[in-house]
Amino acid sequence: MAHQFFFNPYIIENLPLPQKGFDVVQDLSEPKLRMYITQHGVKSFFVRKRINGVDKRIILGKYPDMDIETARSMVNTVLDNACKKQVKYRKKIKFRDFLNVYIENKVKRSEDSLIKLKRSIDMHFGEILDLYIQDITTNDIAKVLDNITGRAMAARLQEFLHSAFNYAKLLGYIKNNIVNDVPQIKVKRRVRPLTEEILKELIATIKAEDYSVCQSAFLMLIYGFAPKTKIFKMRWEDIDFNHDLWKDMPLSDKAMLLLQEIPQESEWIFTGRGKFHLADPRITWQRIVAKIGVPNLTMDDVYKFLTRLLVWDADREKLRENMNDLLSRF
């Protein structure tokens, strides 16, 4: 049986390598997702499917080229398509039209984020948008990326194109992902400015915040051990107060106490404009981090800092206990 735990970059990157052959681990958050770890350190996401009585193992991609959330999001689509007869031929589709399909089916972002993405597509992909996706070449992609000002932006759009062409391959529009042949754009990794002392100061400053929705949401970023995109979309129906759970994820004592203090006035725990969930309170966040003298501190810095400090465990109660022990330091 595969070793089971909540897939997390810290654990995956520190897994011991087998002496020979390979080991298999399984994700508790998405149990259908597994990973091979070889003796040479190669780590590959895969899923299993019995097709016509034969057990098939389908490789999704290698870690860290494919991140955990992307692998989780692909599981159901890959399994659904595994039993379908492969499409030999598809009518040609223009790249612009295909991207609309890809964004609608695979890109999960806030409305503001989608607007920014579509603006970037129009700005940077103009030369190839009206080409049929089957006719786009590696040189076309390389030229588009070379014309983008800023390596960080070019790297993000290269990742977007890679994912989009993977989806086109999955749907049968193309045979090969041509983005694989484009040299990967290297970006110097950002040094995250957070320390335990700064985190203590950040918590105190958040607690002094007047805007209660943002105050609660920012505290949950710390107490909930989840990225902002998930925190801001928390729903009351997903909280189990009897078992201290959010869906299948345990919550710390501080998170549960915080939730008990928030009035249940909407389906969303953190309500934004128009009774929708909180989207992107960056202005309030920037004001807070400016007060503590770390203006380049992001909300994602908090999540990644805490997940590195947390001792992850496959047992939910033990994981919850570890959360409480870590948060008691702040």
Protein backbone atom coordinates (compact mmCIF):
# COMPACT_ATOMS: atom_id res chain seq x y z
CA MET A 1 0.00 0.00 0.00
CA ALA A 2 1.22 3.48 -0.84
CA HIS A 3 2.27 5.73 2.05
CA GLN A 4 -0.46 8.36 2.50
CA PHE A 5 -0.14 12.03 3.49
CA PHE A 6 -1.33 15.47 2.41
CA PHE A 7 0.92 16.28 -0.55
CA ASN A 8 3.00 19.31 0.37
CA PRO A 9 6.19 20.68 -1.24
CA TYR A 10 8.18 20.45 2.00
CA ILE A 11 7.41 16.74 2.53
CA ILE A 12 7.80 15.78 -1.14
CA GLU A 13 11.15 17.53 -1.45
CA ASN A 14 12.46 15.76 1.67
CA LEU A 15 11.18 12.24 1.03
CA PRO A 16 13.90 9.57 1.37
CA LEU A 17 14.83 7.88 -1.90
CA PRO A 18 14.41 4.11 -2.23
CA GLN A 19 17.62 2.10 -2.35
CA LYS A 20 16.45 0.47 -5.57
CA GLY A 21 13.41 0.55 -7.83
CA PHE A 22 10.77 3.04 -6.78
CA ASP A 23 8.37 3.93 -3.96
CA VAL A 24 4.76 5.08 -4.28
CA VAL A 25 3.05 7.70 -2.09
CA GLN A 26 -0.61 8.76 -2.12
CA ASP A 27 -2.27 12.15 -1.57
CA LEU A 28 -4.85 12.31 1.24
CA SER A 29 -6.43 15.46 -0.21
CA GLU A 30 -6.97 13.76 -3.61
CA PRO A 31 -6.67 9.99 -2.93
CA LYS A 32 -6.70 9.14 -6.65
CA LEU A 33 -3.43 11.04 -7.06
CA ARG A 34 -0.20 9.13 -6.48
CA MET A 35 3.49 9.73 -7.02
CA TYR A 36 6.43 7.55 -8.05
CA ILE A 37 9.77 8.27 -6.36
CA THR A 38 12.72 6.56 -8.06
CA GLN A 39 16.14 5.78 -6.63
CA HIS A 40 17.52 8.55 -8.87
CA GLY A 41 15.25 11.19 -7.31
CA VAL A 42 12.74 11.46 -10.17
CA LYS A 43 9.24 12.18 -8.81
CA SER A 44 6.23 11.70 -11.11
CA PHE A 45 2.52 12.22 -10.49
CA PHE A 46 0.27 9.43 -11.79
CA VAL A 47 -3.23 7.97 -11.56
CA ARG A 48 -4.54 4.41 -11.92
CA LYS A 49 -7.50 3.27 -13.99
CA ARG A 50 -8.79 -0.21 -14.84
CA ILE A 51 -9.65 -0.19 -18.54
CA ASN A 52 -11.12 -3.30 -20.14
CA GLY A 53 -9.88 -5.36 -17.21
CA VAL A 54 -6.33 -4.01 -17.42
CA ASP A 55 -4.80 -1.82 -14.71
CA LYS A 56 -3.43 1.31 -16.44
CA ARG A 57 -1.09 3.80 -14.81
CA ILE A 58 -1.20 7.24 -16.39
CA ILE A 59 1.67 9.68 -15.81
CA LEU A 60 0.48 13.27 -15.31
CA GLY A 61 3.86 14.97 -15.11
CA LYS A 62 7.08 15.29 -13.15
CA TYR A 63 7.48 17.25 -9.93
CA PRO A 64 8.40 20.15 -9.60
CA ASP A 65 7.74 20.94 -13.31
CA MET A 66 4.10 20.22 -12.45
CA ASP A 67 2.96 21.59 -9.11
CA ILE A 68 0.67 19.77 -6.67
CA GLU A 69 -2.48 21.83 -7.31
CA THR A 70 -2.18 21.36 -11.08
CA ALA A 71 -1.79 17.60 -10.64
CA ARG A 72 -4.84 17.46 -8.35
CA SER A 73 -6.93 19.46 -10.81
CA MET A 74 -6.02 17.10 -13.68
CA VAL A 75 -6.99 13.86 -11.94
CA ASN A 76 -10.70 13.67 -12.78
CA THR A 77 -10.25 14.92 -16.34
CA VAL A 78 -7.50 12.39 -17.06
CA LEU A 79 -9.48 9.52 -15.54
CA ASP A 80 -12.63 10.51 -17.44
CA ASN A 81 -10.71 10.65 -20.70
CA ALA A 82 -8.85 7.39 -20.05
CA CYS A 83 -11.92 5.34 -20.94
CA LYS A 84 -12.88 7.41 -23.95
CA LYS A 85 -11.86 6.39 -27.42
CA GLN A 86 -9.02 8.60 -28.55
CA VAL A 87 -10.03 11.18 -31.11
CA LYS A 88 -7.95 10.59 -34.22
CA TYR A 89 -8.89 13.76 -36.00
CA ARG A 90 -10.27 17.09 -34.86
CA LYS A 91 -11.31 20.06 -36.91
CA LYS A 92 -8.81 22.87 -36.85
CA ILE A 93 -9.37 25.50 -34.20
CA LYS A 94 -7.85 28.96 -34.00
CA PHE A 95 -5.62 29.54 -31.02
CA ARG A 96 -7.82 32.39 -29.79
CA ASP A 97 -10.89 30.12 -29.74
CA PHE A 98 -8.98 27.30 -28.09
CA LEU A 99 -7.73 29.59 -25.32
CA ASN A 100 -11.34 30.60 -24.61
CA VAL A 101 -12.19 26.90 -24.17
CA TYR A 102 -9.12 26.32 -22.01
CA ILE A 103 -9.80 29.30 -19.75
CA GLU A 104 -13.47 28.36 -19.34
CA ASN A 105 -12.76 24.72 -18.48
CA LYS A 106 -9.43 24.77 -16.68
CA VAL A 107 -8.54 28.23 -15.33
CA LYS A 108 -10.03 28.93 -11.91
CA ARG A 109 -9.44 32.57 -11.02
CA SER A 110 -11.30 35.53 -9.63
CA GLU A 111 -13.05 37.86 -12.07
CA ASP A 112 -10.34 40.51 -11.72
CA SER A 113 -7.60 37.95 -12.25
CA LEU A 114 -9.29 36.62 -15.38
CA ILE A 115 -9.53 40.14 -16.79
CA LYS A 116 -5.77 40.60 -16.24
CA LEU A 117 -5.02 37.23 -17.83
CA LYS A 118 -7.09 38.00 -20.94
CA ARG A 119 -5.42 41.41 -21.20
CA SER A 120 -1.99 39.74 -21.11
CA ILE A 121 -3.08 37.25 -23.77
CA ASP A 122 -4.20 40.03 -26.12
CA MET A 123 -1.06 42.06 -25.42
CA HIS A 124 1.56 39.32 -25.78
CA PHE A 125 0.04 36.56 -27.95
CA GLY A 126 -1.36 38.80 -30.68
CA GLU A 127 0.91 37.34 -33.39
CA ILE A 128 -0.39 33.79 -32.94
CA LEU A 129 -3.99 34.24 -31.75
CA ASP A 130 -5.44 34.02 -35.26
CA LEU A 131 -3.31 31.02 -36.26
CA TYR A 132 -4.74 27.52 -36.05
CA ILE A 133 -3.27 25.82 -32.99
CA GLN A 134 -2.14 22.93 -35.19
CA ASP A 135 -0.04 25.36 -37.28
CA ILE A 136 1.79 27.08 -34.43
CA THR A 137 5.48 26.15 -34.27
CA THR A 138 8.13 26.11 -31.58
CA ASN A 139 9.73 29.15 -33.22
CA ASP A 140 6.42 31.03 -32.98
CA ILE A 141 6.28 30.37 -29.24
CA ALA A 142 9.94 31.29 -28.72
CA LYS A 143 9.46 34.55 -30.63
CA VAL A 144 6.39 35.48 -28.53
CA LEU A 145 8.26 34.85 -25.28
CA ASP A 146 11.36 36.76 -26.45
CA ASN A 147 9.23 39.84 -27.10
CA ILE A 148 7.84 39.94 -23.54
CA THR A 149 9.45 42.55 -21.33
CA GLY A 150 10.33 41.14 -17.91
CA ARG A 151 11.61 37.61 -17.30
CA ALA A 152 9.15 36.94 -14.50
CA MET A 153 6.18 37.74 -16.77
CA ALA A 154 7.69 35.71 -19.62
CA ALA A 155 8.22 32.74 -17.29
CA ARG A 156 4.61 32.85 -16.05
CA LEU A 157 3.23 33.04 -19.58
CA GLN A 158 5.50 30.20 -20.69
CA GLU A 159 4.02 28.11 -17.88
CA PHE A 160 0.52 29.13 -18.99
CA LEU A 161 1.26 28.16 -22.61
CA HIS A 162 2.73 24.84 -21.50
CA SER A 163 -0.42 24.00 -19.57
CA ALA A 164 -2.68 25.17 -22.42
CA PHE A 165 -0.87 23.05 -25.00
CA ASN A 166 -0.99 20.07 -22.67
CA TYR A 167 -4.76 20.49 -22.57
CA ALA A 168 -4.86 20.78 -26.37
CA LYS A 169 -2.95 17.52 -26.59
CA LEU A 170 -5.32 15.89 -24.11
CA LEU A 171 -8.31 16.94 -26.22
CA GLY A 172 -6.71 15.68 -29.42
CA TYR A 173 -6.06 18.96 -31.21
CA ILE A 174 -2.30 18.39 -31.33
CA LYS A 175 -0.02 15.38 -31.04
CA ASN A 176 2.86 16.98 -29.14
CA ASN A 177 3.29 19.89 -26.78
CA ILE A 178 5.61 22.17 -28.74
CA VAL A 179 6.30 24.32 -25.65
CA ASN A 180 8.39 21.41 -24.33
CA ASP A 181 10.99 22.27 -26.98
CA VAL A 182 11.29 25.92 -25.90
CA PRO A 183 14.14 26.49 -23.38
CA GLN A 184 12.66 27.15 -19.96
CA ILE A 185 12.97 30.76 -18.83
CA LYS A 186 14.94 30.87 -15.60
CA VAL A 187 13.91 33.40 -12.98
CA LYS A 188 15.91 34.17 -9.87
CA ARG A 189 13.91 32.98 -6.91
CA ARG A 190 12.59 35.68 -4.66
CA VAL A 191 13.90 35.77 -1.08
CA ARG A 192 10.89 35.80 1.21
CA PRO A 193 11.29 38.43 3.94
CA LEU A 194 9.24 36.77 6.70
CA THR A 195 10.70 35.71 10.07
CA GLU A 196 9.05 34.61 13.30
CA GLU A 197 9.56 38.04 14.85
CA ILE A 198 8.04 39.78 11.83
CA LEU A 199 5.10 37.36 11.91
CA LYS A 200 4.42 38.24 15.55
CA GLU A 201 4.40 41.91 14.64
CA LEU A 202 2.18 41.21 11.63
CA ILE A 203 -0.41 39.42 13.79
CA ALA A 204 -0.50 42.30 16.28
CA THR A 205 -0.93 44.83 13.45
CA ILE A 206 -3.73 42.79 11.83
CA LYS A 207 -5.56 42.57 15.16
CA ALA A 208 -5.51 46.37 15.36
CA GLU A 209 -7.13 46.64 11.93
CA ASP A 210 -10.56 48.34 11.84
CA TYR A 211 -11.97 46.54 8.77
CA SER A 212 -13.26 43.37 10.42
CA VAL A 213 -13.67 41.26 7.24
CA CYS A 214 -10.08 41.80 6.16
CA GLN A 215 -8.88 41.42 9.74
CA SER A 216 -10.54 38.00 10.04
CA ALA A 217 -9.43 36.90 6.57
CA PHE A 218 -5.80 37.88 7.18
CA LEU A 219 -5.76 36.09 10.54
CA MET A 220 -7.18 32.98 8.83
CA LEU A 221 -4.29 33.15 6.35
CA ILE A 222 -2.10 32.51 9.39
CA TYR A 223 -4.31 30.14 11.36
CA GLY A 224 -5.72 28.15 8.42
CA PHE A 225 -2.52 26.90 6.71
CA ALA A 226 -3.95 27.38 3.22
CA PRO A 227 -3.26 29.80 0.31
CA LYS A 228 -5.26 33.01 0.01
CA THR A 229 -7.29 31.76 -2.98
CA LYS A 230 -8.76 29.02 -0.79
CA ILE A 231 -9.07 31.09 2.39
CA PHE A 232 -11.06 33.86 0.72
CA LYS A 233 -13.47 31.28 -0.80
CA MET A 234 -14.24 29.48 2.48
CA ARG A 235 -17.93 28.58 2.89
CA TRP A 236 -19.82 27.95 6.10
CA GLU A 237 -21.23 24.70 4.74
CA ASP A 238 -17.69 23.27 4.57
CA ILE A 239 -16.95 23.84 8.27
CA ASP A 240 -17.49 20.99 10.73
CA PHE A 241 -17.45 22.63 14.17
CA ASN A 242 -17.92 19.26 15.90
CA HIS A 243 -14.75 17.76 14.47
CA ASP A 244 -12.67 20.93 13.85
CA LEU A 245 -12.58 20.31 10.09
CA TRP A 246 -12.72 22.42 6.95
CA LYS A 247 -13.80 19.93 4.28
CA ASP A 248 -11.24 17.16 4.97
CA MET A 249 -8.56 19.47 6.40
CA PRO A 250 -8.11 19.86 10.17
CA LEU A 251 -8.23 23.39 11.56
CA SER A 252 -6.19 24.78 14.44
CA ASP A 253 -7.77 25.91 17.70
CA LYS A 254 -7.10 29.54 16.80
CA ALA A 255 -8.83 29.07 13.46
CA MET A 256 -11.89 27.54 15.12
CA LEU A 257 -12.08 30.34 17.71
CA LEU A 258 -11.82 32.92 14.94
CA LEU A 259 -14.66 31.28 13.00
CA GLN A 260 -16.89 31.27 16.08
CA GLU A 261 -16.53 35.05 16.31
CA ILE A 262 -17.55 35.72 12.69
CA PRO A 263 -21.30 36.31 12.08
CA GLN A 264 -22.85 33.92 9.55
CA GLU A 265 -24.48 36.47 7.27
CA SER A 266 -23.72 34.85 3.91
CA GLU A 267 -22.75 31.52 2.38
CA TRP A 268 -19.20 32.90 2.34
CA ILE A 269 -17.22 33.22 5.54
CA PHE A 270 -15.37 36.29 4.24
CA THR A 271 -17.89 38.33 2.28
CA GLY A 272 -16.73 40.90 -0.23
CA ARG A 273 -18.65 43.21 -2.53
CA GLY A 274 -22.08 42.22 -3.81
CA LYS A 275 -22.40 39.38 -1.28
CA PHE A 276 -19.65 37.50 -3.14
CA HIS A 277 -16.54 36.18 -1.40
CA LEU A 278 -13.59 38.44 -0.61
CA ALA A 279 -11.45 38.70 -3.73
CA ASP A 280 -8.18 40.62 -3.50
CA PRO A 281 -7.84 43.06 -0.56
CA ARG A 282 -4.33 44.08 -1.61
CA ILE A 283 -4.71 47.75 -0.67
CA THR A 284 -5.58 46.88 2.94
CA TRP A 285 -2.77 44.31 3.02
CA GLN A 286 -0.22 46.80 1.66
CA ARG A 287 -1.20 49.31 4.34
CA ILE A 288 -0.67 46.70 7.07
CA VAL A 289 2.72 45.46 5.85
CA ALA A 290 3.89 49.06 5.38
CA LYS A 291 3.19 49.65 9.09
CA ILE A 292 5.56 46.83 10.08
CA GLY A 293 8.23 48.05 7.68
CA VAL A 294 8.12 45.11 5.22
CA PRO A 295 6.26 46.55 2.20
CA ASN A 296 7.25 43.66 -0.11
CA LEU A 297 5.68 41.01 2.14
CA THR A 298 2.90 39.16 0.27
CA MET A 299 -0.01 37.07 1.51
CA ASP A 300 1.51 34.01 -0.16
CA ASP A 301 4.73 34.60 1.82
CA VAL A 302 2.75 33.94 5.00
CA TYR A 303 1.29 30.65 3.75
CA LYS A 304 4.60 29.36 2.42
CA PHE A 305 6.51 30.40 5.55
CA LEU A 306 4.10 28.58 7.86
CA THR A 307 3.86 25.43 5.74
CA ARG A 308 7.64 25.15 5.86
CA LEU A 309 7.62 25.42 9.67
CA LEU A 310 4.68 23.04 10.16
CA VAL A 311 5.46 19.39 10.87
CA TRP A 312 3.11 17.62 8.48
CA ASP A 313 1.56 14.31 9.46
CA ALA A 314 -0.82 11.91 7.70
CA ASP A 315 -2.89 11.55 10.89
CA ARG A 316 -5.38 14.42 11.08
CA GLU A 317 -5.41 14.70 14.86
CA LYS A 318 -1.62 14.70 14.98
CA LEU A 319 -1.50 17.31 12.22
CA ARG A 320 -3.96 19.49 14.13
CA GLU A 321 -1.85 19.12 17.26
CA ASN A 322 1.23 20.21 15.27
CA MET A 323 -0.68 23.25 13.99
CA ASN A 324 -1.56 24.27 17.53
CA ASP A 325 2.01 23.77 18.73
CA LEU A 326 3.38 25.97 15.93
CA LEU A 327 0.83 28.76 16.38
CA SER A 328 1.45 28.84 20.14
CA ARG A 329 4.82 30.44 19.30
CA PHE A 330 3.16 33.55 17.88
